[in-house]
N, C-alpha and C. Protein backbone atom coordinates (compact mmCIF):
# COMPACT_ATOMS: atom_id res chain seq x y z
N UNK A 1 98.86 142.85 88.13
CA UNK A 1 100.16 142.59 87.83
C UNK A 1 101.02 141.88 88.91
N UNK A 2 100.71 142.12 90.07
CA UNK A 2 101.48 141.52 91.39
C UNK A 2 101.01 140.04 91.35
N UNK A 3 99.64 139.86 91.19
CA UNK A 3 99.17 138.48 91.29
C UNK A 3 99.83 137.67 90.08
N UNK A 4 99.96 138.40 88.90
CA UNK A 4 100.59 137.63 87.75
C UNK A 4 102.03 137.10 88.11
N UNK A 5 102.72 138.17 88.72
CA UNK A 5 104.08 137.80 88.88
C UNK A 5 104.23 136.82 90.06
N UNK A 6 103.24 136.61 91.17
CA UNK A 6 103.14 135.72 92.06
C UNK A 6 103.05 134.28 91.51
N UNK A 7 102.11 134.29 90.55
CA UNK A 7 101.64 132.98 89.87
C UNK A 7 102.91 132.47 89.04
N UNK A 8 103.53 133.40 88.35
CA UNK A 8 104.82 133.12 87.61
C UNK A 8 105.87 132.47 88.44
N UNK A 9 106.09 132.90 89.49
CA UNK A 9 107.07 132.73 90.55
C UNK A 9 106.85 131.42 91.16
N UNK A 10 105.55 131.03 91.36
CA UNK A 10 105.05 129.65 91.79
C UNK A 10 105.36 128.79 90.63
N UNK A 11 105.00 128.89 89.49
CA UNK A 11 105.20 128.09 88.37
C UNK A 11 106.45 127.74 88.12
N UNK A 12 107.49 128.82 88.18
CA UNK A 12 108.98 128.67 87.94
C UNK A 12 109.40 127.64 89.18
N UNK A 13 109.11 127.98 90.37
CA UNK A 13 109.57 127.10 91.51
C UNK A 13 109.04 125.62 91.37
N UNK A 14 107.97 125.44 90.60
CA UNK A 14 107.33 124.10 90.50
C UNK A 14 108.13 123.21 89.61
N UNK A 15 108.96 123.65 88.82
CA UNK A 15 109.88 122.96 88.12
C UNK A 15 111.09 122.44 88.62
N UNK A 16 111.10 121.25 89.24
CA UNK A 16 112.19 120.58 89.91
C UNK A 16 113.23 119.98 88.92
N UNK A 17 114.43 120.65 89.25
CA UNK A 17 115.55 120.20 88.47
C UNK A 17 116.27 119.11 89.23
N UNK A 18 117.35 118.39 88.44
CA UNK A 18 118.02 117.44 89.09
C UNK A 18 118.82 118.04 90.23
N UNK A 19 118.92 117.27 91.34
CA UNK A 19 119.52 117.52 92.49
C UNK A 19 118.65 118.30 93.35
N UNK A 20 117.28 118.39 93.11
CA UNK A 20 116.44 119.00 94.07
C UNK A 20 115.75 117.91 95.04
N UNK A 21 115.79 118.45 96.31
CA UNK A 21 115.17 117.58 97.27
C UNK A 21 113.85 118.33 97.60
N UNK A 22 112.77 117.42 97.60
CA UNK A 22 111.37 118.09 97.87
C UNK A 22 110.52 117.35 98.91
N UNK A 23 109.43 117.96 99.47
CA UNK A 23 108.63 117.40 100.46
C UNK A 23 107.22 117.74 100.08
N UNK A 24 106.35 116.61 100.19
CA UNK A 24 104.98 116.84 99.94
C UNK A 24 104.02 116.17 100.86
N UNK A 25 103.46 116.99 101.87
CA UNK A 25 102.39 116.64 102.54
C UNK A 25 101.16 116.09 101.79
N UNK A 26 100.47 115.17 102.08
CA UNK A 26 99.32 114.71 101.32
C UNK A 26 98.28 113.94 102.18
N UNK A 27 97.06 113.83 101.47
CA UNK A 27 96.03 113.22 102.10
C UNK A 27 95.17 112.50 100.96
N UNK A 28 94.39 111.53 101.17
CA UNK A 28 93.64 110.97 100.21
C UNK A 28 92.70 109.95 100.80
N UNK A 29 91.76 109.64 99.90
CA UNK A 29 90.58 108.54 100.06
C UNK A 29 90.73 107.49 98.95
N UNK A 30 90.20 106.43 99.28
CA UNK A 30 90.17 105.25 98.38
C UNK A 30 89.33 104.19 98.79
N UNK A 31 89.51 103.00 98.34
CA UNK A 31 88.89 101.58 98.55
C UNK A 31 89.99 100.56 99.15
N UNK A 32 89.51 99.75 99.83
CA UNK A 32 90.51 98.74 100.18
C UNK A 32 89.74 97.30 100.40
N UNK A 33 90.42 96.33 100.20
CA UNK A 33 89.78 94.91 100.49
C UNK A 33 90.77 94.04 100.78
N UNK A 34 90.43 92.81 101.38
CA UNK A 34 91.31 91.60 101.71
C UNK A 34 91.05 90.64 100.68
N UNK A 35 92.16 90.28 99.94
CA UNK A 35 91.88 89.17 99.16
C UNK A 35 91.57 87.88 99.78
N UNK A 36 90.90 87.01 99.10
CA UNK A 36 90.48 85.76 99.63
C UNK A 36 89.63 85.73 100.81
N UNK A 37 88.83 86.95 101.05
CA UNK A 37 88.01 87.06 102.20
C UNK A 37 86.73 86.24 101.84
N UNK A 38 86.28 85.40 102.68
CA UNK A 38 84.99 84.57 102.32
C UNK A 38 83.81 85.52 102.83
N UNK A 39 82.60 85.27 102.32
CA UNK A 39 81.37 85.77 102.76
C UNK A 39 81.22 85.37 104.23
N UNK A 40 80.54 86.38 105.02
CA UNK A 40 80.40 86.20 106.49
C UNK A 40 79.31 85.35 106.78
N UNK A 41 79.71 84.26 107.59
CA UNK A 41 78.46 83.41 108.02
C UNK A 41 77.80 84.10 109.35
N UNK A 42 76.53 83.84 109.28
CA UNK A 42 75.99 84.54 110.53
C UNK A 42 75.55 83.38 111.63
N UNK A 43 75.65 83.56 112.87
CA UNK A 43 75.62 82.57 113.75
C UNK A 43 74.56 82.97 114.87
N UNK A 44 73.78 84.03 114.68
CA UNK A 44 72.76 84.31 115.63
C UNK A 44 71.63 83.44 115.62
N UNK A 45 70.69 83.41 116.68
CA UNK A 45 69.68 82.42 116.69
C UNK A 45 68.70 82.68 115.47
N UNK A 46 68.45 81.78 114.70
CA UNK A 46 67.61 81.88 113.43
C UNK A 46 68.20 82.31 112.34
N UNK A 47 69.45 82.56 112.31
CA UNK A 47 70.19 83.16 111.15
C UNK A 47 71.26 82.20 110.78
N UNK A 48 71.29 80.99 111.24
CA UNK A 48 72.31 80.09 110.79
C UNK A 48 72.21 79.70 109.37
N UNK A 49 73.26 79.44 108.64
CA UNK A 49 73.28 79.13 107.24
C UNK A 49 73.17 80.28 106.46
N UNK A 50 72.93 81.54 106.76
CA UNK A 50 72.80 82.55 106.06
C UNK A 50 74.34 83.61 106.04
N UNK A 51 74.53 84.26 104.96
CA UNK A 51 75.89 84.82 104.93
C UNK A 51 75.59 86.28 104.46
N UNK A 52 76.85 87.20 104.76
CA UNK A 52 76.72 88.43 104.05
C UNK A 52 77.85 88.43 103.04
N UNK A 53 77.45 88.91 101.86
CA UNK A 53 78.43 89.19 100.77
C UNK A 53 79.49 89.92 101.06
N UNK A 54 80.54 89.59 100.69
CA UNK A 54 81.94 90.50 101.04
C UNK A 54 81.93 91.66 99.97
N UNK A 55 82.42 92.82 100.37
CA UNK A 55 82.55 94.10 99.80
C UNK A 55 83.69 94.96 100.23
N UNK A 56 84.33 95.58 99.21
CA UNK A 56 85.24 96.64 99.63
C UNK A 56 84.70 97.53 100.61
N UNK A 57 85.75 98.30 101.26
CA UNK A 57 85.33 99.51 102.17
C UNK A 57 86.03 100.69 101.91
N UNK A 58 85.54 101.86 102.35
CA UNK A 58 86.32 103.10 102.09
C UNK A 58 87.54 103.05 102.93
N UNK A 59 88.75 103.82 102.41
CA UNK A 59 89.75 103.81 103.06
C UNK A 59 90.30 105.32 103.06
N UNK A 60 91.43 105.64 103.76
CA UNK A 60 91.91 107.02 103.82
C UNK A 60 93.34 106.98 104.23
N UNK A 61 93.96 108.03 104.01
CA UNK A 61 95.38 108.17 104.44
C UNK A 61 95.90 109.66 104.66
N UNK A 62 96.76 109.83 105.53
CA UNK A 62 97.37 111.16 105.67
C UNK A 62 98.87 111.07 105.98
N UNK A 63 99.70 111.70 105.31
CA UNK A 63 101.10 111.56 105.33
C UNK A 63 102.02 112.58 104.72
N UNK A 64 103.32 112.24 104.46
CA UNK A 64 104.24 112.98 103.83
C UNK A 64 105.15 112.08 103.04
N UNK A 65 105.59 112.88 101.99
CA UNK A 65 106.65 112.04 101.04
C UNK A 65 107.77 113.00 100.78
N UNK A 66 108.91 112.44 100.66
CA UNK A 66 110.08 113.09 100.24
C UNK A 66 110.58 112.40 99.00
N UNK A 67 111.11 113.37 98.13
CA UNK A 67 111.49 113.02 96.73
C UNK A 67 112.86 113.60 96.42
N UNK A 68 113.76 112.87 95.80
CA UNK A 68 115.03 113.47 95.33
C UNK A 68 115.24 113.23 93.95
N UNK A 69 115.25 114.40 93.10
CA UNK A 69 115.25 114.39 91.65
C UNK A 69 116.63 113.92 91.09
N UNK A 70 116.81 112.76 90.72
CA UNK A 70 118.12 112.34 90.32
C UNK A 70 118.57 112.71 89.02
N UNK A 71 117.48 112.78 87.96
CA UNK A 71 117.92 113.22 86.60
C UNK A 71 116.50 113.94 86.17
N UNK A 72 116.54 114.57 85.14
CA UNK A 72 115.21 115.01 84.50
C UNK A 72 114.06 114.40 84.54
N UNK A 73 114.04 112.89 84.31
CA UNK A 73 113.00 112.19 84.21
C UNK A 73 113.00 110.99 85.27
N UNK A 74 113.91 111.26 85.99
CA UNK A 74 113.85 110.04 87.17
C UNK A 74 114.12 110.44 88.48
N UNK A 75 113.52 110.04 89.59
CA UNK A 75 113.63 110.44 90.86
C UNK A 75 113.29 109.21 91.84
N UNK A 76 113.80 109.31 93.15
CA UNK A 76 113.40 108.41 94.14
C UNK A 76 112.69 108.98 95.18
N UNK A 77 111.57 108.29 95.81
CA UNK A 77 110.78 108.97 96.78
C UNK A 77 110.66 107.99 97.99
N UNK A 78 110.43 108.39 99.20
CA UNK A 78 110.20 107.86 100.27
C UNK A 78 109.31 108.56 101.11
N UNK A 79 108.39 107.75 101.86
CA UNK A 79 107.45 108.59 102.65
C UNK A 79 106.91 107.83 103.99
N UNK A 80 106.15 108.58 104.72
CA UNK A 80 105.47 107.79 105.83
C UNK A 80 103.99 108.31 105.84
N UNK A 81 103.04 107.40 106.24
CA UNK A 81 101.83 107.72 106.18
C UNK A 81 100.98 106.80 107.20
N UNK A 82 99.78 107.34 107.76
CA UNK A 82 98.95 106.56 108.35
C UNK A 82 97.65 106.25 107.69
N UNK A 83 97.31 104.99 107.38
CA UNK A 83 96.28 104.56 106.60
C UNK A 83 95.20 103.72 107.22
N UNK A 84 94.06 104.00 107.10
CA UNK A 84 92.99 103.32 107.76
C UNK A 84 92.24 102.66 106.54
N UNK A 85 92.30 101.07 106.52
CA UNK A 85 91.78 100.23 105.52
C UNK A 85 91.22 99.08 106.13
N UNK A 86 91.01 97.93 105.22
CA UNK A 86 90.49 96.77 105.83
C UNK A 86 89.66 96.17 104.72
N UNK A 87 88.46 95.51 105.01
CA UNK A 87 87.61 94.84 104.25
C UNK A 87 86.15 94.88 104.98
N UNK A 88 85.21 94.51 104.09
CA UNK A 88 83.83 94.50 104.69
C UNK A 88 82.91 93.67 104.05
N UNK A 89 81.62 93.74 104.41
CA UNK A 89 80.42 92.92 103.81
C UNK A 89 79.43 93.71 103.46
N UNK A 90 78.57 93.49 102.68
CA UNK A 90 77.45 94.26 102.16
C UNK A 90 76.23 94.33 103.27
N UNK A 91 75.61 95.42 103.31
CA UNK A 91 74.49 95.73 104.26
C UNK A 91 73.33 94.78 103.80
N UNK A 92 72.49 94.17 104.75
CA UNK A 92 71.31 93.42 104.26
C UNK A 92 70.39 93.40 105.31
N UNK A 93 69.10 93.14 104.85
CA UNK A 93 67.95 92.86 105.58
C UNK A 93 67.64 91.42 105.73
N UNK A 94 67.59 90.78 106.74
CA UNK A 94 67.12 89.27 106.89
C UNK A 94 65.91 89.17 107.82
N UNK A 95 65.03 88.29 107.34
CA UNK A 95 63.99 88.15 108.11
C UNK A 95 64.13 86.73 108.80
N UNK A 96 64.14 86.60 110.08
CA UNK A 96 64.48 85.42 110.72
C UNK A 96 63.19 84.50 110.86
N UNK A 97 63.34 83.18 110.52
CA UNK A 97 62.20 82.38 110.67
C UNK A 97 61.98 81.85 112.16
N UNK A 98 63.15 82.11 113.01
CA UNK A 98 63.11 81.64 114.31
C UNK A 98 62.14 82.66 115.14
N UNK A 99 62.44 83.88 115.02
CA UNK A 99 61.58 85.05 115.76
C UNK A 99 60.65 85.70 115.09
N UNK A 100 60.62 85.63 113.76
CA UNK A 100 59.88 86.30 112.87
C UNK A 100 60.05 87.79 112.83
N UNK A 101 61.32 88.14 113.23
CA UNK A 101 61.60 89.45 113.25
C UNK A 101 62.56 90.01 111.98
N UNK A 102 62.75 91.34 111.62
CA UNK A 102 63.70 91.57 110.65
C UNK A 102 64.90 92.04 111.17
N UNK A 103 65.97 91.49 110.80
CA UNK A 103 67.38 91.90 111.28
C UNK A 103 68.02 92.73 110.20
N UNK A 104 68.29 93.97 110.56
CA UNK A 104 68.98 94.82 109.52
C UNK A 104 70.47 94.92 109.87
N UNK A 105 71.35 94.34 109.34
CA UNK A 105 72.78 94.27 109.56
C UNK A 105 73.50 95.14 108.70
N UNK A 106 74.33 96.01 109.11
CA UNK A 106 75.07 97.07 108.47
C UNK A 106 76.52 97.25 108.88
N UNK A 107 77.21 97.96 108.18
CA UNK A 107 78.76 98.34 108.55
C UNK A 107 79.43 97.18 109.11
N UNK A 108 79.30 95.92 108.55
CA UNK A 108 80.05 94.87 109.03
C UNK A 108 81.51 94.91 108.24
N UNK A 109 82.60 95.03 109.14
CA UNK A 109 83.84 95.27 108.50
C UNK A 109 85.00 94.93 109.55
N UNK A 110 86.16 94.64 108.77
CA UNK A 110 87.44 94.65 109.66
C UNK A 110 88.12 95.94 109.28
N UNK A 111 88.50 96.65 110.32
CA UNK A 111 89.04 97.96 110.17
C UNK A 111 90.40 97.81 110.62
N UNK A 112 91.56 98.18 109.64
CA UNK A 112 92.89 97.91 110.02
C UNK A 112 93.65 99.34 109.94
N UNK A 113 94.30 99.57 110.84
CA UNK A 113 95.34 100.98 110.95
C UNK A 113 96.75 100.40 110.63
N UNK A 114 97.39 101.22 109.74
CA UNK A 114 98.67 100.86 109.48
C UNK A 114 99.43 102.24 109.45
N UNK A 115 100.83 102.21 110.04
CA UNK A 115 101.81 103.09 109.52
C UNK A 115 102.53 102.59 108.39
N UNK A 116 102.44 103.28 107.15
CA UNK A 116 103.11 102.78 106.07
C UNK A 116 104.44 103.61 105.77
N UNK A 117 105.43 102.94 105.14
CA UNK A 117 106.78 103.58 104.65
C UNK A 117 106.80 102.92 103.29
N UNK A 118 106.36 103.71 102.33
CA UNK A 118 106.52 103.54 100.97
C UNK A 118 107.79 104.03 100.40
N UNK A 119 108.39 103.25 99.36
CA UNK A 119 109.56 103.69 98.85
C UNK A 119 109.47 103.36 97.29
N UNK A 120 109.41 104.39 96.43
CA UNK A 120 109.24 104.20 94.98
C UNK A 120 110.24 104.97 94.05
N UNK A 121 110.38 104.28 92.96
CA UNK A 121 111.09 104.98 91.81
C UNK A 121 110.07 105.49 90.93
N UNK A 122 110.41 106.80 90.43
CA UNK A 122 109.41 107.41 89.69
C UNK A 122 110.08 107.88 88.37
N UNK A 123 109.35 107.64 87.17
CA UNK A 123 109.88 107.88 86.00
C UNK A 123 108.81 108.81 85.25
N UNK A 124 109.37 110.08 84.95
CA UNK A 124 108.69 111.12 84.31
C UNK A 124 108.58 110.91 82.89
N UNK A 125 107.43 110.63 82.30
CA UNK A 125 107.18 110.42 80.88
C UNK A 125 107.17 111.62 80.05
N UNK A 126 106.50 112.71 80.69
CA UNK A 126 106.59 114.08 80.18
C UNK A 126 106.39 114.95 81.36
N UNK A 127 106.50 116.36 81.20
CA UNK A 127 106.45 117.25 82.10
C UNK A 127 105.40 117.10 83.14
N UNK A 128 105.76 116.68 84.43
CA UNK A 128 104.65 116.59 85.44
C UNK A 128 104.07 115.39 85.65
N UNK A 129 104.06 114.42 84.65
CA UNK A 129 103.44 113.13 84.61
C UNK A 129 104.34 112.04 84.88
N UNK A 130 104.24 111.14 86.10
CA UNK A 130 105.31 110.03 86.32
C UNK A 130 104.48 108.84 86.51
N UNK A 131 105.06 107.68 86.30
CA UNK A 131 104.66 106.35 86.56
C UNK A 131 105.66 106.02 87.75
N UNK A 132 105.06 105.04 88.68
CA UNK A 132 105.97 104.79 89.83
C UNK A 132 105.59 103.37 90.23
N UNK A 133 106.62 102.69 90.74
CA UNK A 133 106.74 101.46 91.41
C UNK A 133 107.71 101.32 92.52
N UNK A 134 107.44 100.49 93.47
CA UNK A 134 108.41 100.28 94.55
C UNK A 134 107.85 99.15 95.51
N UNK A 135 108.27 99.44 96.78
CA UNK A 135 107.86 98.60 98.00
C UNK A 135 107.34 99.32 99.06
N UNK A 136 106.46 98.81 99.71
CA UNK A 136 105.71 99.47 100.93
C UNK A 136 105.95 98.55 102.12
N UNK A 137 106.41 99.08 103.32
CA UNK A 137 106.34 98.38 104.43
C UNK A 137 105.29 98.97 105.41
N UNK A 138 104.27 98.09 105.99
CA UNK A 138 103.26 98.63 106.77
C UNK A 138 103.40 97.85 108.20
N UNK A 139 103.13 98.78 109.25
CA UNK A 139 103.22 98.37 110.60
C UNK A 139 101.89 98.50 111.29
N UNK A 140 101.31 97.47 111.70
CA UNK A 140 99.82 97.42 112.32
C UNK A 140 99.91 98.24 113.57
N UNK A 141 98.87 99.10 113.63
CA UNK A 141 98.77 99.97 114.89
C UNK A 141 97.29 99.65 115.52
N UNK A 142 96.38 99.26 114.90
CA UNK A 142 95.14 98.88 115.47
C UNK A 142 94.36 98.17 114.58
N UNK A 143 93.43 97.15 115.12
CA UNK A 143 92.66 96.29 114.17
C UNK A 143 91.30 96.01 114.98
N UNK A 144 90.22 96.18 114.32
CA UNK A 144 88.96 95.63 114.94
C UNK A 144 88.09 95.28 113.93
N UNK A 145 87.07 94.32 114.55
CA UNK A 145 86.00 93.78 113.79
C UNK A 145 84.62 94.38 114.29
N UNK A 146 83.98 95.11 113.38
CA UNK A 146 82.80 95.99 113.67
C UNK A 146 81.57 95.55 112.87
N UNK A 147 80.48 95.73 113.52
CA UNK A 147 79.11 95.43 112.87
C UNK A 147 77.99 96.16 113.78
N UNK A 148 76.92 96.58 112.95
CA UNK A 148 75.74 97.08 113.61
C UNK A 148 74.52 96.16 113.26
N UNK A 149 73.65 96.01 114.14
CA UNK A 149 72.46 95.18 113.95
C UNK A 149 71.32 95.83 114.52
N UNK A 150 70.14 95.84 113.73
CA UNK A 150 68.87 96.56 114.36
C UNK A 150 67.82 95.33 114.17
N UNK A 151 67.23 95.00 115.35
CA UNK A 151 66.07 94.12 115.41
C UNK A 151 64.73 94.83 115.85
N UNK A 152 63.86 95.18 115.11
CA UNK A 152 62.72 96.02 115.38
C UNK A 152 63.29 97.27 115.78
N UNK A 153 63.02 97.83 117.06
CA UNK A 153 63.41 99.01 117.54
C UNK A 153 64.79 98.80 118.43
N UNK A 154 65.28 97.72 118.39
CA UNK A 154 66.54 97.64 119.34
C UNK A 154 67.83 97.47 118.32
N UNK A 155 68.75 98.40 118.72
CA UNK A 155 69.94 98.55 117.90
C UNK A 155 71.10 97.98 118.91
N UNK A 156 72.08 97.21 118.20
CA UNK A 156 73.24 96.65 118.96
C UNK A 156 74.41 97.06 117.93
N UNK A 157 75.65 97.20 118.52
CA UNK A 157 76.78 97.28 117.88
C UNK A 157 77.89 96.54 118.54
N UNK A 158 78.78 95.94 117.46
CA UNK A 158 79.89 95.18 118.02
C UNK A 158 81.27 95.78 117.62
N UNK A 159 82.21 95.86 118.47
CA UNK A 159 83.46 96.39 118.19
C UNK A 159 84.60 95.57 118.87
N UNK A 160 85.17 94.53 118.17
CA UNK A 160 86.06 93.67 118.90
C UNK A 160 87.47 93.95 118.45
N UNK A 161 88.46 93.98 119.40
CA UNK A 161 89.89 94.17 119.03
C UNK A 161 90.37 92.85 118.53
N UNK A 162 90.90 92.69 117.38
CA UNK A 162 91.40 91.63 116.75
C UNK A 162 92.98 91.85 116.42
N UNK A 163 93.69 92.72 117.03
CA UNK A 163 95.01 93.05 116.59
C UNK A 163 95.94 91.79 116.89
N UNK A 164 95.63 91.06 118.13
CA UNK A 164 96.47 89.93 118.49
C UNK A 164 96.45 88.75 117.36
N UNK A 165 95.36 88.69 116.58
CA UNK A 165 95.42 87.70 115.54
C UNK A 165 95.78 88.14 114.29
N UNK A 166 96.49 89.29 114.20
CA UNK A 166 96.93 89.60 112.74
C UNK A 166 98.57 89.71 113.02
N UNK A 167 99.20 89.78 111.79
CA UNK A 167 100.59 90.00 111.74
C UNK A 167 100.88 91.56 111.97
N UNK A 168 102.08 91.80 112.47
CA UNK A 168 102.42 93.21 112.81
C UNK A 168 103.02 93.89 111.77
N UNK A 169 103.44 93.11 110.64
CA UNK A 169 104.16 93.89 109.50
C UNK A 169 103.51 93.32 108.30
N UNK A 170 103.30 94.36 107.31
CA UNK A 170 102.72 93.81 106.03
C UNK A 170 103.63 94.49 105.03
N UNK A 171 103.91 93.82 103.94
CA UNK A 171 104.61 94.18 102.74
C UNK A 171 103.77 94.13 101.53
N UNK A 172 103.78 95.29 100.77
CA UNK A 172 102.94 95.39 99.66
C UNK A 172 103.89 96.09 98.41
N UNK A 173 103.32 96.20 97.14
CA UNK A 173 104.00 96.71 96.02
C UNK A 173 103.07 97.77 95.65
N UNK A 174 103.43 99.13 95.68
CA UNK A 174 102.82 100.25 95.25
C UNK A 174 102.99 100.38 93.74
N UNK A 175 102.01 100.65 93.07
CA UNK A 175 101.98 100.91 91.53
C UNK A 175 101.11 102.08 91.26
N UNK A 176 101.61 102.91 90.43
CA UNK A 176 100.86 104.19 90.30
C UNK A 176 101.29 105.02 89.30
N UNK A 177 100.46 106.23 89.24
CA UNK A 177 100.89 107.38 88.28
C UNK A 177 100.54 108.74 89.12
N UNK A 178 101.19 109.67 88.84
CA UNK A 178 100.87 110.85 89.48
C UNK A 178 101.26 112.14 88.38
N UNK A 179 100.42 113.29 88.71
CA UNK A 179 100.56 114.51 87.82
C UNK A 179 100.78 115.63 88.61
N UNK A 180 101.74 116.33 88.43
CA UNK A 180 102.09 117.56 89.23
C UNK A 180 101.77 118.88 88.40
N UNK A 181 100.84 119.64 88.86
CA UNK A 181 100.40 120.86 88.30
C UNK A 181 101.43 121.98 88.53
N UNK A 182 101.33 123.06 87.85
CA UNK A 182 102.25 124.07 88.28
C UNK A 182 102.17 124.85 89.50
N UNK A 183 101.29 124.55 90.22
CA UNK A 183 100.75 125.27 91.45
C UNK A 183 101.78 125.22 92.69
N UNK A 184 102.38 124.02 93.09
CA UNK A 184 102.56 122.87 92.58
C UNK A 184 101.67 121.77 93.30
N UNK A 185 100.32 121.50 92.92
CA UNK A 185 99.49 120.45 93.54
C UNK A 185 99.74 119.33 92.84
N UNK A 186 99.89 118.04 93.60
CA UNK A 186 100.19 116.73 93.12
C UNK A 186 99.00 115.81 93.19
N UNK A 187 98.45 115.17 92.02
CA UNK A 187 97.35 114.18 92.26
C UNK A 187 98.18 112.78 92.06
N UNK A 188 97.95 111.83 92.92
CA UNK A 188 98.62 110.49 92.85
C UNK A 188 97.48 109.44 93.01
N UNK A 189 97.47 108.64 91.94
CA UNK A 189 96.53 107.42 92.02
C UNK A 189 97.45 106.26 92.28
N UNK A 190 97.39 105.42 93.26
CA UNK A 190 98.18 104.27 93.44
C UNK A 190 97.43 102.89 93.95
N UNK A 191 97.76 101.89 93.34
CA UNK A 191 97.35 100.58 93.68
C UNK A 191 98.14 99.98 94.57
N UNK A 192 97.91 99.43 95.75
CA UNK A 192 98.90 98.79 96.55
C UNK A 192 98.40 97.23 96.65
N UNK A 193 99.46 96.35 96.09
CA UNK A 193 99.19 94.98 95.86
C UNK A 193 99.83 94.30 97.11
N UNK A 194 99.20 93.69 98.02
CA UNK A 194 99.54 92.86 99.18
C UNK A 194 100.51 91.64 98.84
N UNK A 195 101.60 91.51 99.28
CA UNK A 195 102.56 90.36 99.22
C UNK A 195 102.40 89.38 100.32
N UNK A 196 102.22 89.99 101.69
CA UNK A 196 102.22 89.02 102.67
C UNK A 196 100.93 88.77 103.35
N UNK A 197 100.81 87.80 104.08
CA UNK A 197 99.47 87.45 104.63
C UNK A 197 99.17 88.41 105.80
N UNK A 198 97.89 88.62 106.19
CA UNK A 198 97.43 89.61 107.34
C UNK A 198 97.18 88.70 108.43
N UNK A 199 96.67 87.59 108.30
CA UNK A 199 96.21 86.69 109.45
C UNK A 199 97.47 85.95 109.96
N UNK A 200 97.51 85.82 111.28
CA UNK A 200 98.62 84.82 111.87
C UNK A 200 98.42 83.33 111.53
N UNK A 201 97.00 82.96 111.82
CA UNK A 201 96.79 81.63 111.58
C UNK A 201 95.93 81.37 110.33
N UNK A 202 96.19 80.30 109.59
CA UNK A 202 95.22 80.01 108.37
C UNK A 202 94.08 79.38 108.74
N UNK A 203 93.04 79.54 108.09
CA UNK A 203 91.73 78.88 108.38
C UNK A 203 91.57 77.75 107.17
N UNK A 204 91.42 76.47 107.65
CA UNK A 204 91.27 75.35 106.71
C UNK A 204 90.18 75.69 105.77
N UNK A 205 90.62 75.49 104.51
CA UNK A 205 89.99 75.62 103.36
C UNK A 205 89.70 76.98 102.89
N UNK A 206 90.48 77.94 103.46
CA UNK A 206 90.50 79.42 103.17
C UNK A 206 91.79 79.79 102.99
N UNK A 207 92.06 80.57 101.91
CA UNK A 207 93.39 80.93 101.52
C UNK A 207 93.68 82.17 102.41
N UNK A 208 95.08 82.41 102.52
CA UNK A 208 95.41 83.57 103.33
C UNK A 208 95.00 85.01 102.74
N UNK A 209 94.69 85.98 103.73
CA UNK A 209 94.17 87.16 103.49
C UNK A 209 95.44 88.16 103.18
N UNK A 210 95.18 88.98 102.23
CA UNK A 210 96.17 89.86 101.84
C UNK A 210 95.61 91.27 101.54
N UNK A 211 96.21 92.39 102.07
CA UNK A 211 95.73 93.78 101.89
C UNK A 211 95.88 94.21 100.42
N UNK A 212 94.86 94.84 100.00
CA UNK A 212 94.75 95.51 98.65
C UNK A 212 94.02 96.81 98.81
N UNK A 213 94.58 97.90 98.21
CA UNK A 213 93.83 99.07 98.18
C UNK A 213 94.27 99.96 96.95
N UNK A 214 93.26 100.86 96.65
CA UNK A 214 93.60 101.78 95.64
C UNK A 214 93.29 103.35 96.30
N UNK A 215 94.27 104.14 96.15
CA UNK A 215 94.20 105.25 96.87
C UNK A 215 94.47 106.56 95.91
N UNK A 216 93.55 107.53 96.04
CA UNK A 216 93.83 108.83 95.29
C UNK A 216 94.19 109.95 96.35
N UNK A 217 95.46 110.36 96.28
CA UNK A 217 95.83 111.39 97.23
C UNK A 217 96.08 112.77 96.45
N UNK A 218 95.99 113.86 97.28
CA UNK A 218 96.24 115.20 96.80
C UNK A 218 97.45 115.69 97.75
N UNK A 219 98.53 116.36 97.16
CA UNK A 219 99.57 116.73 97.82
C UNK A 219 99.93 118.06 97.54
N UNK A 220 100.73 118.87 98.34
CA UNK A 220 101.44 120.07 97.94
C UNK A 220 102.87 119.83 98.04
N UNK A 221 103.50 120.10 96.92
CA UNK A 221 105.00 119.59 96.74
C UNK A 221 105.98 120.78 96.77
N UNK A 222 106.84 120.98 97.58
CA UNK A 222 107.74 122.10 97.49
C UNK A 222 109.22 121.77 97.74
N UNK A 223 110.12 122.55 97.22
CA UNK A 223 111.47 122.20 97.32
C UNK A 223 112.07 122.67 98.60
N UNK A 224 113.09 121.83 99.14
CA UNK A 224 113.71 122.33 100.39
C UNK A 224 115.11 122.95 100.08
């Protein structure tokens, strides 16, 4: 009976009324990619003219979101999070005609870290389910180009800081849906569409790169 009363109390507190200010710590995983990224040309001895096919990479974030319920079906939210994202290329095995050896190339990627400040408007279509859209400001904290290569029994790793070659501010549009359970656990699925270019300098014949990501987060939302 005590457990049932506790569940009932939690369920009741999960129904946020107009005028309620809430906070939601959250974390999640997803995929990210840079639009207009070309295949990666290889310039090692014996591998010229060969490329790695581009591919999305895994991404993740951790942060907190604040929400104010303006009306039964409408709210405004703002948050701050740290996200690790970027873009990559597919793993491949290449046999070099120059040295006759097998080159195993893996984990080739651009890894970008951002502090994000998303601001969204949320429309609750029915109890617990919301659609959302807004604007997100990103501030670059770290950026590196990474890759691993194995030739016979010799393994090599590259990790190059590329932060100076990238813009420090990134703007995107978050579009998504969320569902709040009575617990109150919140599932949030969001697509972030990049608006501004990531690279400082444009490459001839190549369009500017823009951040894109799809993130699924889990949060715990409670009223203040």
